[in-house]
Each structure stands twice: as C-alpha cells, then as structure tokens.
PDB file of all heavy atoms in Angstrom:
ATOM      1  N   GLY A   1     -33.446 -20.567   3.538  1.00  0.00           N
ATOM      2  CA  GLY A   1     -33.044 -21.135   4.817  1.00  0.00           C
ATOM      3  C   GLY A   1     -33.340 -22.614   4.938  1.00  0.00           C
ATOM      4  O   GLY A   1     -32.814 -23.289   5.822  1.00  0.00           O
ATOM      5  N   TYR A   2     -34.186 -23.140   4.063  1.00  0.00           N
ATOM      6  CA  TYR A   2     -34.566 -24.555   4.111  1.00  0.00           C
ATOM      7  C   TYR A   2     -33.939 -25.362   2.977  1.00  0.00           C
ATOM      8  O   TYR A   2     -34.177 -26.562   2.886  1.00  0.00           O
ATOM      9  CB  TYR A   2     -36.095 -24.676   4.027  1.00  0.00           C
ATOM     10  CG  TYR A   2     -36.814 -23.951   5.129  1.00  0.00           C
ATOM     11  CD1 TYR A   2     -37.137 -22.597   5.004  1.00  0.00           C
ATOM     12  CD2 TYR A   2     -37.163 -24.595   6.309  1.00  0.00           C
ATOM     13  CE1 TYR A   2     -37.795 -21.916   6.020  1.00  0.00           C
ATOM     14  CE2 TYR A   2     -37.821 -23.919   7.327  1.00  0.00           C
ATOM     15  CZ  TYR A   2     -38.129 -22.581   7.170  1.00  0.00           C
ATOM     16  OH  TYR A   2     -38.766 -21.908   8.176  1.00  0.00           O
ATOM     17  N   GLY A   3     -33.146 -24.717   2.117  1.00  0.00           N
ATOM     18  CA  GLY A   3     -32.620 -25.375   0.928  1.00  0.00           C
ATOM     19  C   GLY A   3     -31.367 -26.183   1.173  1.00  0.00           C
ATOM     20  O   GLY A   3     -30.267 -25.764   0.823  1.00  0.00           O
ATOM     21  N   SER A   4     -31.508 -27.350   1.776  1.00  0.00           N
ATOM     22  CA  SER A   4     -30.369 -28.245   2.009  1.00  0.00           C
ATOM     23  C   SER A   4     -30.636 -29.584   1.343  1.00  0.00           C
ATOM     24  O   SER A   4     -31.782 -29.929   1.036  1.00  0.00           O
ATOM     25  CB  SER A   4     -30.146 -28.456   3.511  1.00  0.00           C
ATOM     26  OG  SER A   4     -31.217 -29.177   4.086  1.00  0.00           O
ATOM     27  N   GLU A   5     -29.578 -30.373   1.148  1.00  0.00           N
ATOM     28  CA  GLU A   5     -29.732 -31.701   0.536  1.00  0.00           C
ATOM     29  C   GLU A   5     -30.657 -32.574   1.370  1.00  0.00           C
ATOM     30  O   GLU A   5     -31.489 -33.314   0.837  1.00  0.00           O
ATOM     31  CB  GLU A   5     -28.365 -32.363   0.390  1.00  0.00           C
ATOM     32  CG  GLU A   5     -28.423 -33.722  -0.295  1.00  0.00           C
ATOM     33  CD  GLU A   5     -27.084 -34.431  -0.320  1.00  0.00           C
ATOM     34  OE1 GLU A   5     -26.085 -33.878   0.175  1.00  0.00           O
ATOM     35  OE2 GLU A   5     -27.039 -35.571  -0.852  1.00  0.00           O
ATOM     36  N   GLU A   6     -30.504 -32.483   2.686  1.00  0.00           N
ATOM     37  CA  GLU A   6     -31.343 -33.288   3.576  1.00  0.00           C
ATOM     38  C   GLU A   6     -32.815 -32.950   3.400  1.00  0.00           C
ATOM     39  O   GLU A   6     -33.671 -33.848   3.333  1.00  0.00           O
ATOM     40  CB  GLU A   6     -30.910 -33.053   5.025  1.00  0.00           C
ATOM     41  CG  GLU A   6     -31.675 -33.864   6.038  1.00  0.00           C
ATOM     42  CD  GLU A   6     -31.171 -33.676   7.457  1.00  0.00           C
ATOM     43  OE1 GLU A   6     -30.226 -32.882   7.657  1.00  0.00           O
ATOM     44  OE2 GLU A   6     -31.726 -34.329   8.362  1.00  0.00           O
ATOM     45  N   ASN A   7     -33.136 -31.660   3.317  1.00  0.00           N
ATOM     46  CA  ASN A   7     -34.536 -31.249   3.175  1.00  0.00           C
ATOM     47  C   ASN A   7     -35.097 -31.583   1.797  1.00  0.00           C
ATOM     48  O   ASN A   7     -36.254 -31.997   1.673  1.00  0.00           O
ATOM     49  CB  ASN A   7     -34.679 -29.762   3.467  1.00  0.00           C
ATOM     50  CG  ASN A   7     -34.526 -29.438   4.940  1.00  0.00           C
ATOM     51  OD1 ASN A   7     -34.670 -30.315   5.789  1.00  0.00           O
ATOM     52  ND2 ASN A   7     -34.227 -28.192   5.255  1.00  0.00           N
ATOM     53  N   TYR A   8     -34.282 -31.390   0.752  1.00  0.00           N
ATOM     54  CA  TYR A   8     -34.742 -31.766  -0.593  1.00  0.00           C
ATOM     55  C   TYR A   8     -35.024 -33.266  -0.659  1.00  0.00           C
ATOM     56  O   TYR A   8     -36.020 -33.706  -1.248  1.00  0.00           O
ATOM     57  CB  TYR A   8     -33.685 -31.391  -1.635  1.00  0.00           C
ATOM     58  CG  TYR A   8     -33.613 -29.911  -1.960  1.00  0.00           C
ATOM     59  CD1 TYR A   8     -32.379 -29.265  -2.043  1.00  0.00           C
ATOM     60  CD2 TYR A   8     -34.758 -29.170  -2.209  1.00  0.00           C
ATOM     61  CE1 TYR A   8     -32.294 -27.909  -2.336  1.00  0.00           C
ATOM     62  CE2 TYR A   8     -34.687 -27.820  -2.515  1.00  0.00           C
ATOM     63  CZ  TYR A   8     -33.450 -27.197  -2.579  1.00  0.00           C
ATOM     64  OH  TYR A   8     -33.371 -25.853  -2.882  1.00  0.00           O
ATOM     65  N   THR A   9     -34.131 -34.075  -0.053  1.00  0.00           N
ATOM     66  CA  THR A   9     -34.322 -35.526  -0.040  1.00  0.00           C
ATOM     67  C   THR A   9     -35.587 -35.895   0.732  1.00  0.00           C
ATOM     68  O   THR A   9     -36.341 -36.780   0.323  1.00  0.00           O
ATOM     69  CB  THR A   9     -33.096 -36.210   0.595  1.00  0.00           C
ATOM     70  OG1 THR A   9     -31.907 -35.826  -0.116  1.00  0.00           O
ATOM     71  CG2 THR A   9     -33.232 -37.723   0.564  1.00  0.00           C
ATOM     72  N   LEU A  10     -35.815 -35.226   1.861  1.00  0.00           N
ATOM     73  CA  LEU A  10     -37.008 -35.467   2.674  1.00  0.00           C
ATOM     74  C   LEU A  10     -38.275 -35.166   1.882  1.00  0.00           C
ATOM     75  O   LEU A  10     -39.228 -35.964   1.875  1.00  0.00           O
ATOM     76  CB  LEU A  10     -36.948 -34.600   3.930  1.00  0.00           C
ATOM     77  CG  LEU A  10     -38.182 -34.599   4.837  1.00  0.00           C
ATOM     78  CD1 LEU A  10     -38.316 -35.937   5.556  1.00  0.00           C
ATOM     79  CD2 LEU A  10     -38.110 -33.459   5.854  1.00  0.00           C
ATOM     80  N   LEU A  11     -38.302 -34.021   1.207  1.00  0.00           N
ATOM     81  CA  LEU A  11     -39.489 -33.620   0.451  1.00  0.00           C
ATOM     82  C   LEU A  11     -39.727 -34.538  -0.743  1.00  0.00           C
ATOM     83  O   LEU A  11     -40.874 -34.853  -1.071  1.00  0.00           O
ATOM     84  CB  LEU A  11     -39.335 -32.167  -0.014  1.00  0.00           C
ATOM     85  CG  LEU A  11     -39.344 -31.113   1.116  1.00  0.00           C
ATOM     86  CD1 LEU A  11     -38.840 -29.776   0.617  1.00  0.00           C
ATOM     87  CD2 LEU A  11     -40.742 -30.964   1.706  1.00  0.00           C
ATOM     88  N   GLU A  12     -38.640 -34.983  -1.396  1.00  0.00           N
ATOM     89  CA  GLU A  12     -38.784 -35.942  -2.493  1.00  0.00           C
ATOM     90  C   GLU A  12     -39.387 -37.251  -2.001  1.00  0.00           C
ATOM     91  O   GLU A  12     -40.251 -37.840  -2.656  1.00  0.00           O
ATOM     92  CB  GLU A  12     -37.422 -36.212  -3.135  1.00  0.00           C
ATOM     93  CG  GLU A  12     -36.932 -35.108  -4.049  1.00  0.00           C
ATOM     94  CD  GLU A  12     -35.577 -35.413  -4.660  1.00  0.00           C
ATOM     95  OE1 GLU A  12     -34.904 -36.354  -4.170  1.00  0.00           O
ATOM     96  OE2 GLU A  12     -35.182 -34.721  -5.613  1.00  0.00           O
ATOM     97  N   GLY A  13     -38.909 -37.718  -0.839  1.00  0.00           N
ATOM     98  CA  GLY A  13     -39.415 -38.970  -0.278  1.00  0.00           C
ATOM     99  C   GLY A  13     -40.883 -38.912   0.083  1.00  0.00           C
ATOM    100  O   GLY A  13     -41.571 -39.938   0.081  1.00  0.00           O
ATOM    101  N   LYS A  14     -41.389 -37.725   0.409  1.00  0.00           N
ATOM    102  CA  LYS A  14     -42.798 -37.564   0.778  1.00  0.00           C
ATOM    103  C   LYS A  14     -43.651 -37.085  -0.406  1.00  0.00           C
ATOM    104  O   LYS A  14     -44.827 -36.754  -0.226  1.00  0.00           O
ATOM    105  CB  LYS A  14     -42.911 -36.558   1.941  1.00  0.00           C
ATOM    106  CG  LYS A  14     -42.272 -37.053   3.232  1.00  0.00           C
ATOM    107  CD  LYS A  14     -42.435 -36.039   4.354  1.00  0.00           C
ATOM    108  CE  LYS A  14     -41.792 -36.524   5.638  1.00  0.00           C
ATOM    109  NZ  LYS A  14     -42.469 -37.715   6.201  1.00  0.00           N
ATOM    110  N   ASN A  15     -43.044 -37.011  -1.604  1.00  0.00           N
ATOM    111  CA  ASN A  15     -43.749 -36.576  -2.820  1.00  0.00           C
ATOM    112  C   ASN A  15     -44.362 -35.184  -2.666  1.00  0.00           C
ATOM    113  O   ASN A  15     -45.492 -34.932  -3.097  1.00  0.00           O
ATOM    114  CB  ASN A  15     -44.840 -37.590  -3.202  1.00  0.00           C
ATOM    115  CG  ASN A  15     -44.268 -38.939  -3.585  1.00  0.00           C
ATOM    116  OD1 ASN A  15     -43.249 -39.013  -4.278  1.00  0.00           O
ATOM    117  ND2 ASN A  15     -44.897 -40.012  -3.136  1.00  0.00           N
ATOM    118  N   VAL A  16     -43.611 -34.306  -2.038  1.00  0.00           N
ATOM    119  CA  VAL A  16     -44.044 -32.921  -1.868  1.00  0.00           C
ATOM    120  C   VAL A  16     -43.376 -32.066  -2.945  1.00  0.00           C
ATOM    121  O   VAL A  16     -42.148 -32.092  -3.093  1.00  0.00           O
ATOM    122  CB  VAL A  16     -43.660 -32.381  -0.474  1.00  0.00           C
ATOM    123  CG1 VAL A  16     -44.083 -30.917  -0.328  1.00  0.00           C
ATOM    124  CG2 VAL A  16     -44.295 -33.230   0.618  1.00  0.00           C
ATOM    125  N   THR A  17     -44.158 -31.335  -3.705  1.00  0.00           N
ATOM    126  CA  THR A  17     -43.594 -30.419  -4.705  1.00  0.00           C
ATOM    127  C   THR A  17     -42.965 -29.251  -3.957  1.00  0.00           C
ATOM    128  O   THR A  17     -43.658 -28.479  -3.291  1.00  0.00           O
ATOM    129  CB  THR A  17     -44.683 -29.905  -5.659  1.00  0.00           C
ATOM    130  OG1 THR A  17     -45.346 -31.020  -6.257  1.00  0.00           O
ATOM    131  CG2 THR A  17     -44.075 -29.034  -6.744  1.00  0.00           C
ATOM    132  N   ALA A  18     -41.645 -29.127  -4.073  1.00  0.00           N
ATOM    133  CA  ALA A  18     -40.892 -28.194  -3.223  1.00  0.00           C
ATOM    134  C   ALA A  18     -40.450 -26.966  -4.013  1.00  0.00           C
ATOM    135  O   ALA A  18     -39.542 -27.043  -4.847  1.00  0.00           O
ATOM    136  CB  ALA A  18     -39.669 -28.890  -2.633  1.00  0.00           C
ATOM    137  N   TYR A  19     -41.101 -25.831  -3.747  1.00  0.00           N
ATOM    138  CA  TYR A  19     -40.651 -24.546  -4.282  1.00  0.00           C
ATOM    139  C   TYR A  19     -39.751 -23.917  -3.210  1.00  0.00           C
ATOM    140  O   TYR A  19     -40.120 -22.946  -2.553  1.00  0.00           O
ATOM    141  CB  TYR A  19     -41.848 -23.656  -4.602  1.00  0.00           C
ATOM    142  CG  TYR A  19     -42.734 -24.206  -5.698  1.00  0.00           C
ATOM    143  CD1 TYR A  19     -43.840 -24.992  -5.396  1.00  0.00           C
ATOM    144  CD2 TYR A  19     -42.445 -23.954  -7.035  1.00  0.00           C
ATOM    145  CE1 TYR A  19     -44.648 -25.513  -6.397  1.00  0.00           C
ATOM    146  CE2 TYR A  19     -43.244 -24.471  -8.046  1.00  0.00           C
ATOM    147  CZ  TYR A  19     -44.340 -25.247  -7.715  1.00  0.00           C
ATOM    148  OH  TYR A  19     -45.134 -25.763  -8.720  1.00  0.00           O
ATOM    149  N   VAL A  20     -38.580 -24.514  -3.058  1.00  0.00           N
ATOM    150  CA  VAL A  20     -37.654 -24.138  -1.983  1.00  0.00           C
ATOM    151  C   VAL A  20     -36.341 -23.682  -2.594  1.00  0.00           C
ATOM    152  O   VAL A  20     -35.695 -24.435  -3.336  1.00  0.00           O
ATOM    153  CB  VAL A  20     -37.406 -25.313  -1.014  1.00  0.00           C
ATOM    154  CG1 VAL A  20     -36.457 -24.902   0.106  1.00  0.00           C
ATOM    155  CG2 VAL A  20     -38.726 -25.819  -0.430  1.00  0.00           C
ATOM    156  N   LYS A  21     -35.935 -22.467  -2.294  1.00  0.00           N
ATOM    157  CA  LYS A  21     -34.670 -21.940  -2.804  1.00  0.00           C
ATOM    158  C   LYS A  21     -33.491 -22.610  -2.106  1.00  0.00           C
ATOM    159  O   LYS A  21     -33.612 -23.078  -0.976  1.00  0.00           O
ATOM    160  CB  LYS A  21     -34.573 -20.428  -2.560  1.00  0.00           C
ATOM    161  CG  LYS A  21     -35.594 -19.601  -3.290  1.00  0.00           C
ATOM    162  CD  LYS A  21     -35.404 -18.132  -2.941  1.00  0.00           C
ATOM    163  CE  LYS A  21     -36.442 -17.248  -3.591  1.00  0.00           C
ATOM    164  NZ  LYS A  21     -36.263 -15.822  -3.219  1.00  0.00           N
ATOM    165  N   TYR A  22     -32.342 -22.623  -2.779  1.00  0.00           N
ATOM    166  CA  TYR A  22     -31.087 -23.007  -2.132  1.00  0.00           C
ATOM    167  C   TYR A  22     -30.286 -21.736  -1.874  1.00  0.00           C
ATOM    168  O   TYR A  22     -30.683 -20.640  -2.285  1.00  0.00           O
ATOM    169  CB  TYR A  22     -30.298 -24.008  -2.985  1.00  0.00           C
ATOM    170  CG  TYR A  22     -30.142 -23.621  -4.437  1.00  0.00           C
ATOM    171  CD1 TYR A  22     -29.082 -22.822  -4.853  1.00  0.00           C
ATOM    172  CD2 TYR A  22     -31.065 -24.043  -5.387  1.00  0.00           C
ATOM    173  CE1 TYR A  22     -28.940 -22.457  -6.180  1.00  0.00           C
ATOM    174  CE2 TYR A  22     -30.933 -23.680  -6.719  1.00  0.00           C
ATOM    175  CZ  TYR A  22     -29.870 -22.889  -7.103  1.00  0.00           C
ATOM    176  OH  TYR A  22     -29.739 -22.516  -8.418  1.00  0.00           O
ATOM    177  N   SER A  23     -29.175 -21.850  -1.187  1.00  0.00           N
ATOM    178  CA  SER A  23     -28.498 -20.666  -0.634  1.00  0.00           C
ATOM    179  C   SER A  23     -28.073 -19.653  -1.684  1.00  0.00           C
ATOM    180  O   SER A  23     -28.131 -18.454  -1.439  1.00  0.00           O
ATOM    181  CB  SER A  23     -27.288 -21.096   0.207  1.00  0.00           C
ATOM    182  OG  SER A  23     -26.389 -21.851  -0.590  1.00  0.00           O
ATOM    183  N   LEU A  24     -27.636 -20.100  -2.857  1.00  0.00           N
ATOM    184  CA  LEU A  24     -27.114 -19.167  -3.863  1.00  0.00           C
ATOM    185  C   LEU A  24     -28.107 -18.917  -5.003  1.00  0.00           C
ATOM    186  O   LEU A  24     -27.714 -18.358  -6.037  1.00  0.00           O
ATOM    187  CB  LEU A  24     -25.797 -19.698  -4.453  1.00  0.00           C
ATOM    188  CG  LEU A  24     -24.593 -19.761  -3.497  1.00  0.00           C
ATOM    189  CD1 LEU A  24     -23.389 -20.366  -4.204  1.00  0.00           C
ATOM    190  CD2 LEU A  24     -24.253 -18.378  -2.969  1.00  0.00           C
ATOM    191  N   PHE A  25     -29.377 -19.275  -4.822  1.00  0.00           N
ATOM    192  CA  PHE A  25     -30.336 -19.135  -5.921  1.00  0.00           C
ATOM    193  C   PHE A  25     -30.467 -17.683  -6.362  1.00  0.00           C
ATOM    194  O   PHE A  25     -30.387 -17.366  -7.551  1.00  0.00           O
ATOM    195  CB  PHE A  25     -31.698 -19.681  -5.498  1.00  0.00           C
ATOM    196  CG  PHE A  25     -32.771 -19.462  -6.533  1.00  0.00           C
ATOM    197  CD1 PHE A  25     -32.883 -20.305  -7.617  1.00  0.00           C
ATOM    198  CD2 PHE A  25     -33.662 -18.392  -6.420  1.00  0.00           C
ATOM    199  CE1 PHE A  25     -33.862 -20.099  -8.585  1.00  0.00           C
ATOM    200  CE2 PHE A  25     -34.643 -18.184  -7.375  1.00  0.00           C
ATOM    201  CZ  PHE A  25     -34.746 -19.038  -8.460  1.00  0.00           C
ATOM    202  N   ASP A  26     -30.691 -16.775  -5.424  1.00  0.00           N
ATOM    203  CA  ASP A  26     -30.886 -15.363  -5.775  1.00  0.00           C
ATOM    204  C   ASP A  26     -29.620 -14.757  -6.378  1.00  0.00           C
ATOM    205  O   ASP A  26     -29.689 -13.975  -7.335  1.00  0.00           O
ATOM    206  CB  ASP A  26     -31.317 -14.571  -4.541  1.00  0.00           C
ATOM    207  CG  ASP A  26     -32.745 -14.891  -4.131  1.00  0.00           C
ATOM    208  OD1 ASP A  26     -33.572 -15.145  -5.030  1.00  0.00           O
ATOM    209  OD2 ASP A  26     -33.028 -14.915  -2.922  1.00  0.00           O
ATOM    210  N   LYS A  27     -28.455 -15.115  -5.827  1.00  0.00           N
ATOM    211  CA  LYS A  27     -27.201 -14.557  -6.346  1.00  0.00           C
ATOM    212  C   LYS A  27     -26.923 -15.026  -7.772  1.00  0.00           C
ATOM    213  O   LYS A  27     -26.390 -14.269  -8.589  1.00  0.00           O
ATOM    214  CB  LYS A  27     -26.045 -14.939  -5.425  1.00  0.00           C
ATOM    215  CG  LYS A  27     -26.047 -14.197  -4.098  1.00  0.00           C
ATOM    216  CD  LYS A  27     -24.793 -14.502  -3.288  1.00  0.00           C
ATOM    217  CE  LYS A  27     -24.767 -13.681  -2.007  1.00  0.00           C
ATOM    218  NZ  LYS A  27     -23.547 -13.967  -1.202  1.00  0.00           N
ATOM    219  N   ARG A  28     -27.293 -16.257  -8.074  1.00  0.00           N
ATOM    220  CA  ARG A  28     -27.037 -16.778  -9.418  1.00  0.00           C
ATOM    221  C   ARG A  28     -27.917 -16.124 -10.475  1.00  0.00           C
ATOM    222  O   ARG A  28     -27.635 -16.243 -11.668  1.00  0.00           O
ATOM    223  CB  ARG A  28     -27.250 -18.300  -9.431  1.00  0.00           C
ATOM    224  CG  ARG A  28     -26.121 -19.071  -8.757  1.00  0.00           C
ATOM    225  CD  ARG A  28     -26.334 -20.564  -8.882  1.00  0.00           C
ATOM    226  NE  ARG A  28     -25.218 -21.310  -8.286  1.00  0.00           N
ATOM    227  CZ  ARG A  28     -25.145 -22.637  -8.239  1.00  0.00           C
ATOM    228  NH1 ARG A  28     -26.124 -23.350  -8.770  1.00  0.00           N
ATOM    229  NH2 ARG A  28     -24.119 -23.240  -7.685  1.00  0.00           N
ATOM    230  N   GLN A  29     -28.969 -15.428 -10.040  1.00  0.00           N
ATOM    231  CA  GLN A  29     -29.803 -14.697 -10.993  1.00  0.00           C
ATOM    232  C   GLN A  29     -29.226 -13.308 -11.277  1.00  0.00           C
ATOM    233  O   GLN A  29     -29.725 -12.592 -12.140  1.00  0.00           O
ATOM    234  CB  GLN A  29     -31.228 -14.549 -10.459  1.00  0.00           C
ATOM    235  CG  GLN A  29     -31.834 -15.786  -9.812  1.00  0.00           C
ATOM    236  CD  GLN A  29     -31.687 -17.050 -10.620  1.00  0.00           C
ATOM    237  OE1 GLN A  29     -31.996 -17.069 -11.805  1.00  0.00           O
ATOM    238  NE2 GLN A  29     -31.206 -18.110  -9.984  1.00  0.00           N
ATOM    239  N   ASN A  30     -28.177 -12.944 -10.529  1.00  0.00           N
ATOM    240  CA  ASN A  30     -27.573 -11.615 -10.634  1.00  0.00           C
ATOM    241  C   ASN A  30     -26.376 -11.654 -11.589  1.00  0.00           C
ATOM    242  O   ASN A  30     -25.420 -12.409 -11.375  1.00  0.00           O
ATOM    243  CB  ASN A  30     -27.127 -11.159  -9.233  1.00  0.00           C
ATOM    244  CG  ASN A  30     -26.715  -9.701  -9.211  1.00  0.00           C
ATOM    245  OD1 ASN A  30     -26.086  -9.215 -10.153  1.00  0.00           O
ATOM    246  ND2 ASN A  30     -27.052  -9.011  -8.141  1.00  0.00           N
ATOM    247  N   ARG A  31     -26.415 -10.854 -12.628  1.00  0.00           N
ATOM    248  CA  ARG A  31     -25.327 -10.855 -13.610  1.00  0.00           C
ATOM    249  C   ARG A  31     -24.006 -10.393 -13.003  1.00  0.00           C
ATOM    250  O   ARG A  31     -22.944 -10.914 -13.330  1.00  0.00           O
ATOM    251  CB  ARG A  31     -25.697  -9.943 -14.791  1.00  0.00           C
ATOM    252  CG  ARG A  31     -26.833 -10.481 -15.644  1.00  0.00           C
ATOM    253  CD  ARG A  31     -27.100  -9.548 -16.813  1.00  0.00           C
ATOM    254  NE  ARG A  31     -28.194 -10.043 -17.638  1.00  0.00           N
ATOM    255  CZ  ARG A  31     -28.651  -9.407 -18.711  1.00  0.00           C
ATOM    256  NH1 ARG A  31     -28.111  -8.234 -19.076  1.00  0.00           N
ATOM    257  NH2 ARG A  31     -29.642  -9.932 -19.421  1.00  0.00           N
ATOM    258  N   ALA A  32     -24.089  -9.415 -12.113  1.00  0.00           N
ATOM    259  CA  ALA A  32     -22.865  -8.898 -11.491  1.00  0.00           C
ATOM    260  C   ALA A  32     -22.176  -9.996 -10.687  1.00  0.00           C
ATOM    261  O   ALA A  32     -20.935 -10.113 -10.716  1.00  0.00           O
ATOM    262  CB  ALA A  32     -23.206  -7.705 -10.589  1.00  0.00           C
ATOM    263  N   TYR A  33     -22.941 -10.800  -9.983  1.00  0.00           N
ATOM    264  CA  TYR A  33     -22.347 -11.902  -9.203  1.00  0.00           C
ATOM    265  C   TYR A  33     -21.701 -12.918 -10.140  1.00  0.00           C
ATOM    266  O   TYR A  33     -20.594 -13.407  -9.877  1.00  0.00           O
ATOM    267  CB  TYR A  33     -23.424 -12.578  -8.350  1.00  0.00           C
ATOM    268  CG  TYR A  33     -22.927 -13.789  -7.605  1.00  0.00           C
ATOM    269  CD1 TYR A  33     -22.242 -13.667  -6.395  1.00  0.00           C
ATOM    270  CD2 TYR A  33     -23.131 -15.076  -8.125  1.00  0.00           C
ATOM    271  CE1 TYR A  33     -21.780 -14.788  -5.720  1.00  0.00           C
ATOM    272  CE2 TYR A  33     -22.669 -16.192  -7.457  1.00  0.00           C
ATOM    273  CZ  TYR A  33     -21.997 -16.047  -6.248  1.00  0.00           C
ATOM    274  OH  TYR A  33     -21.526 -17.162  -5.592  1.00  0.00           O
ATOM    275  N   ASN A  34     -22.351 -13.245 -11.250  1.00  0.00           N
ATOM    276  CA  ASN A  34     -21.805 -14.230 -12.190  1.00  0.00           C
ATOM    277  C   ASN A  34     -20.513 -13.729 -12.832  1.00  0.00           C
ATOM    278  O   ASN A  34     -19.594 -14.516 -13.101  1.00  0.00           O
ATOM    279  CB  ASN A  34     -22.841 -14.553 -13.268  1.00  0.00           C
ATOM    280  CG  ASN A  34     -23.997 -15.362 -12.709  1.00  0.00           C
ATOM    281  OD1 ASN A  34     -23.802 -16.187 -11.818  1.00  0.00           O
ATOM    282  ND2 ASN A  34     -25.202 -15.127 -13.220  1.00  0.00           N
ATOM    283  N   LYS A  35     -20.430 -12.414 -13.052  1.00  0.00           N
ATOM    284  CA  LYS A  35     -19.200 -11.862 -13.635  1.00  0.00           C
ATOM    285  C   LYS A  35     -18.043 -11.915 -12.647  1.00  0.00           C
ATOM    286  O   LYS A  35     -16.884 -12.067 -13.037  1.00  0.00           O
ATOM    287  CB  LYS A  35     -19.443 -10.415 -14.068  1.00  0.00           C
ATOM    288  CG  LYS A  35     -20.289 -10.293 -15.331  1.00  0.00           C
ATOM    289  CD  LYS A  35     -20.459  -8.833 -15.731  1.00  0.00           C
ATOM    290  CE  LYS A  35     -21.303  -8.706 -17.004  1.00  0.00           C
ATOM    291  NZ  LYS A  35     -21.495  -7.287 -17.402  1.00  0.00           N
ATOM    292  N   LYS A  36     -18.352 -11.779 -11.371  1.00  0.00           N
ATOM    293  CA  LYS A  36     -17.296 -11.827 -10.346  1.00  0.00           C
ATOM    294  C   LYS A  36     -16.770 -13.239 -10.122  1.00  0.00           C
ATOM    295  O   LYS A  36     -15.669 -13.422  -9.606  1.00  0.00           O
ATOM    296  CB  LYS A  36     -17.837 -11.281  -9.016  1.00  0.00           C
ATOM    297  CG  LYS A  36     -18.025  -9.770  -9.000  1.00  0.00           C
ATOM    298  CD  LYS A  36     -18.533  -9.329  -7.631  1.00  0.00           C
ATOM    299  CE  LYS A  36     -18.741  -7.821  -7.587  1.00  0.00           C
ATOM    300  NZ  LYS A  36     -19.280  -7.378  -6.271  1.00  0.00           N
ATOM    301  N   HIS A  37     -17.555 -14.254 -10.485  1.00  0.00           N
ATOM    302  CA  HIS A  37     -17.160 -15.643 -10.241  1.00  0.00           C
ATOM    303  C   HIS A  37     -17.267 -16.444 -11.548  1.00  0.00           C
ATOM    304  O   HIS A  37     -18.065 -17.373 -11.663  1.00  0.00           O
ATOM    305  CB  HIS A  37     -18.038 -16.282  -9.160  1.00  0.00           C
ATOM    306  CG  HIS A  37     -18.013 -15.550  -7.859  1.00  0.00           C
ATOM    307  ND1 HIS A  37     -18.815 -14.456  -7.615  1.00  0.00           N
ATOM    308  CD2 HIS A  37     -17.273 -15.749  -6.737  1.00  0.00           C
ATOM    309  CE1 HIS A  37     -18.591 -14.023  -6.386  1.00  0.00           C
ATOM    310  NE2 HIS A  37     -17.658 -14.777  -5.839  1.00  0.00           N
ATOM    311  N   PRO A  38     -16.461 -16.098 -12.552  1.00  0.00           N
ATOM    312  CA  PRO A  38     -16.566 -16.795 -13.842  1.00  0.00           C
ATOM    313  C   PRO A  38     -15.984 -18.203 -13.818  1.00  0.00           C
ATOM    314  O   PRO A  38     -16.247 -18.998 -14.724  1.00  0.00           O
ATOM    315  CB  PRO A  38     -15.753 -15.888 -14.780  1.00  0.00           C
ATOM    316  CG  PRO A  38     -14.744 -15.254 -13.887  1.00  0.00           C
ATOM    317  CD  PRO A  38     -15.422 -15.052 -12.565  1.00  0.00           C
TER     318      PRO A  38
END
C-alpha cells in the first residue's frame, strides 16, 4: 500500500532503507501469474 514512486523517492531522500513492496511484487513471484502475462 505504500509502494509508490513518490514514497520511494521520499525514503531515498531521507536515507531510509525501505523494505517496501510495490503493487505487483507478490504476483510477480507467482509462476501462474507470469505464465498468464508473458
């Protein structure tokens, strides 16, 4: 929910190590999803 360009840029500017997912991170780990969108 926090994985946007604006937030990543903000965290980079403040030198915060960001373990923040982006919207499709979990889906891209799924083989079935990758097969549906080759």
